[in-house]
């Protein structure tokens, strides 16, 4: 059980880093690009996909149930 928990924390860390980098990218695009709506929307969609898939565990809907 401890190994499974460590794997979950590691995976969460590997998702938080790209989210932080995408947020920084959004910040610099918003400051430097005049018509930034489209690139910001695309980045927001990528971030939403990461959050929904990894933190809301949507992927569990399409796999077999686990019985512990």
N, C-alpha and C. Protein backbone atom coordinates (compact mmCIF):
# COMPACT_ATOMS: atom_id res chain seq x y z
N UNK A 1 0.83 -1.20 0.00
CA UNK A 1 0.00 0.00 0.00
C UNK A 1 0.87 1.26 0.00
N UNK A 2 1.95 1.23 0.75
CA UNK A 2 2.84 2.40 0.82
C UNK A 2 3.45 2.70 -0.54
N UNK A 3 3.81 1.66 -1.28
CA UNK A 3 4.39 1.85 -2.61
C UNK A 3 3.39 2.48 -3.56
N UNK A 4 2.12 2.08 -3.45
CA UNK A 4 1.07 2.64 -4.30
C UNK A 4 0.86 4.12 -4.00
N UNK A 5 0.92 4.47 -2.72
CA UNK A 5 0.75 5.87 -2.32
C UNK A 5 1.91 6.72 -2.84
N UNK A 6 3.12 6.19 -2.77
CA UNK A 6 4.28 6.91 -3.29
C UNK A 6 4.17 7.12 -4.79
N UNK A 7 3.68 6.12 -5.49
CA UNK A 7 3.50 6.24 -6.94
C UNK A 7 2.47 7.32 -7.27
N UNK A 8 1.40 7.41 -6.48
CA UNK A 8 0.39 8.45 -6.69
C UNK A 8 0.98 9.84 -6.46
N UNK A 9 1.75 10.01 -5.41
CA UNK A 9 2.38 11.30 -5.13
C UNK A 9 3.35 11.68 -6.25
N UNK A 10 4.09 10.71 -6.74
CA UNK A 10 5.05 10.97 -7.81
C UNK A 10 4.32 11.40 -9.08
N UNK A 11 3.24 10.72 -9.40
CA UNK A 11 2.46 11.07 -10.59
C UNK A 11 1.86 12.46 -10.44
N UNK A 12 1.35 12.78 -9.26
CA UNK A 12 0.79 14.11 -9.02
C UNK A 12 1.86 15.19 -9.18
N UNK A 13 3.06 14.91 -8.71
CA UNK A 13 4.15 15.86 -8.85
C UNK A 13 4.48 16.07 -10.32
N UNK A 14 4.47 14.98 -11.10
CA UNK A 14 4.78 15.08 -12.53
C UNK A 14 3.69 15.80 -13.30
N UNK A 15 2.51 15.94 -12.75
CA UNK A 15 1.44 16.70 -13.40
C UNK A 15 1.46 18.16 -12.95
N UNK A 16 1.81 18.41 -11.69
CA UNK A 16 1.84 19.77 -11.18
C UNK A 16 2.92 20.61 -11.87
N UNK A 17 4.05 20.00 -12.17
CA UNK A 17 5.14 20.74 -12.83
C UNK A 17 4.70 21.28 -14.20
N UNK A 18 4.13 20.45 -15.09
CA UNK A 18 3.66 21.02 -16.37
C UNK A 18 2.56 22.07 -16.19
N UNK A 19 1.70 21.89 -15.18
CA UNK A 19 0.67 22.90 -14.93
C UNK A 19 1.30 24.24 -14.54
N UNK A 20 2.32 24.19 -13.72
CA UNK A 20 3.01 25.42 -13.33
C UNK A 20 3.71 26.06 -14.53
N UNK A 21 4.35 25.24 -15.35
CA UNK A 21 5.03 25.77 -16.53
C UNK A 21 4.03 26.37 -17.52
N UNK A 22 2.90 25.71 -17.69
CA UNK A 22 1.87 26.26 -18.58
C UNK A 22 1.31 27.57 -18.04
N UNK A 23 1.20 27.69 -16.72
CA UNK A 23 0.74 28.93 -16.12
C UNK A 23 1.73 30.06 -16.37
N UNK A 24 3.02 29.77 -16.24
CA UNK A 24 4.03 30.77 -16.55
C UNK A 24 3.98 31.17 -18.02
N UNK A 25 3.79 30.19 -18.89
CA UNK A 25 3.67 30.48 -20.32
C UNK A 25 2.46 31.37 -20.59
N UNK A 26 1.34 31.07 -19.93
CA UNK A 26 0.16 31.92 -20.07
C UNK A 26 0.45 33.35 -19.64
N UNK A 27 1.15 33.49 -18.54
CA UNK A 27 1.48 34.82 -18.04
C UNK A 27 2.29 35.61 -19.06
N UNK A 28 3.34 34.98 -19.60
CA UNK A 28 4.18 35.69 -20.56
C UNK A 28 3.47 35.96 -21.88
N UNK A 29 2.60 35.06 -22.30
CA UNK A 29 1.82 35.32 -23.51
C UNK A 29 0.86 36.48 -23.28
N UNK A 30 0.21 36.49 -22.13
CA UNK A 30 -0.74 37.56 -21.83
C UNK A 30 -0.07 38.93 -21.78
N UNK A 31 1.17 38.97 -21.31
CA UNK A 31 1.88 40.23 -21.21
C UNK A 31 2.42 40.68 -22.57
N UNK A 32 2.93 39.76 -23.36
CA UNK A 32 3.69 40.12 -24.56
C UNK A 32 2.91 40.03 -25.88
N UNK A 33 1.83 39.31 -25.93
CA UNK A 33 1.09 39.13 -27.19
C UNK A 33 -0.15 40.01 -27.16
N UNK A 34 -0.36 40.73 -28.26
CA UNK A 34 -1.48 41.68 -28.29
C UNK A 34 -2.82 40.96 -28.37
N UNK A 35 -3.00 40.07 -29.34
CA UNK A 35 -4.24 39.29 -29.46
C UNK A 35 -3.99 37.89 -28.93
N UNK A 36 -4.05 37.74 -27.63
CA UNK A 36 -3.63 36.49 -26.99
C UNK A 36 -4.78 35.55 -26.66
N UNK A 37 -5.98 35.84 -27.10
CA UNK A 37 -7.13 35.04 -26.69
C UNK A 37 -7.02 33.59 -27.15
N UNK A 38 -6.66 33.37 -28.40
CA UNK A 38 -6.62 32.00 -28.94
C UNK A 38 -5.52 31.17 -28.27
N UNK A 39 -4.27 31.66 -28.19
CA UNK A 39 -3.26 30.82 -27.52
C UNK A 39 -3.58 30.59 -26.04
N UNK A 40 -4.14 31.58 -25.38
CA UNK A 40 -4.49 31.39 -23.97
C UNK A 40 -5.61 30.37 -23.80
N UNK A 41 -6.56 30.37 -24.73
CA UNK A 41 -7.64 29.39 -24.66
C UNK A 41 -7.11 27.98 -24.91
N UNK A 42 -6.19 27.83 -25.85
CA UNK A 42 -5.62 26.51 -26.11
C UNK A 42 -4.84 25.99 -24.90
N UNK A 43 -4.07 26.86 -24.28
CA UNK A 43 -3.33 26.46 -23.09
C UNK A 43 -4.29 26.11 -21.95
N UNK A 44 -5.36 26.87 -21.82
CA UNK A 44 -6.35 26.59 -20.78
C UNK A 44 -7.01 25.23 -21.00
N UNK A 45 -7.26 24.89 -22.26
CA UNK A 45 -7.85 23.58 -22.55
C UNK A 45 -6.89 22.44 -22.19
N UNK A 46 -5.62 22.62 -22.48
CA UNK A 46 -4.62 21.61 -22.12
C UNK A 46 -4.56 21.45 -20.60
N UNK A 47 -4.54 22.57 -19.89
CA UNK A 47 -4.49 22.52 -18.43
C UNK A 47 -5.75 21.86 -17.87
N UNK A 48 -6.90 22.19 -18.43
CA UNK A 48 -8.15 21.57 -17.96
C UNK A 48 -8.13 20.07 -18.20
N UNK A 49 -7.61 19.65 -19.34
CA UNK A 49 -7.51 18.22 -19.62
C UNK A 49 -6.63 17.50 -18.62
N UNK A 50 -5.49 18.11 -18.29
CA UNK A 50 -4.60 17.50 -17.28
C UNK A 50 -5.29 17.39 -15.93
N UNK A 51 -5.95 18.45 -15.53
CA UNK A 51 -6.61 18.46 -14.22
C UNK A 51 -7.73 17.43 -14.17
N UNK A 52 -8.55 17.41 -15.21
CA UNK A 52 -9.67 16.47 -15.23
C UNK A 52 -9.17 15.03 -15.24
N UNK A 53 -8.18 14.76 -16.03
CA UNK A 53 -7.71 13.38 -16.17
C UNK A 53 -6.97 12.90 -14.93
N UNK A 54 -6.08 13.69 -14.39
CA UNK A 54 -5.22 13.20 -13.31
C UNK A 54 -5.72 13.51 -11.91
N UNK A 55 -6.38 14.65 -11.71
CA UNK A 55 -6.79 14.98 -10.35
C UNK A 55 -8.25 14.65 -10.09
N UNK A 56 -9.07 14.61 -11.14
CA UNK A 56 -10.47 14.23 -10.96
C UNK A 56 -10.69 12.75 -11.30
N UNK A 57 -9.63 12.07 -11.76
CA UNK A 57 -9.62 10.63 -11.99
C UNK A 57 -10.70 10.17 -12.98
N UNK A 58 -10.91 10.95 -14.02
CA UNK A 58 -11.89 10.59 -15.04
C UNK A 58 -11.51 9.28 -15.74
N UNK A 59 -10.22 9.01 -15.84
CA UNK A 59 -9.77 7.80 -16.52
C UNK A 59 -10.33 6.55 -15.86
N UNK A 60 -10.73 6.62 -14.61
CA UNK A 60 -11.27 5.46 -13.91
C UNK A 60 -12.63 5.04 -14.44
N UNK A 61 -13.31 5.93 -15.15
CA UNK A 61 -14.63 5.60 -15.68
C UNK A 61 -14.57 4.52 -16.74
N UNK A 62 -13.44 4.40 -17.44
CA UNK A 62 -13.34 3.48 -18.56
C UNK A 62 -12.49 2.24 -18.27
N UNK A 63 -12.21 1.97 -17.03
CA UNK A 63 -11.46 0.76 -16.73
C UNK A 63 -12.27 -0.14 -15.80
N UNK A 64 -11.83 -1.37 -15.73
CA UNK A 64 -12.53 -2.34 -14.90
C UNK A 64 -12.46 -1.94 -13.43
N UNK A 65 -13.49 -2.33 -12.67
CA UNK A 65 -13.50 -2.02 -11.25
C UNK A 65 -12.46 -2.85 -10.52
N UNK A 66 -11.85 -2.24 -9.52
CA UNK A 66 -10.87 -2.95 -8.70
C UNK A 66 -11.54 -3.38 -7.41
N UNK A 67 -11.26 -4.58 -7.00
CA UNK A 67 -11.78 -5.08 -5.73
C UNK A 67 -10.59 -5.38 -4.83
N UNK A 68 -10.51 -4.62 -3.74
CA UNK A 68 -9.38 -4.82 -2.82
C UNK A 68 -9.81 -5.60 -1.61
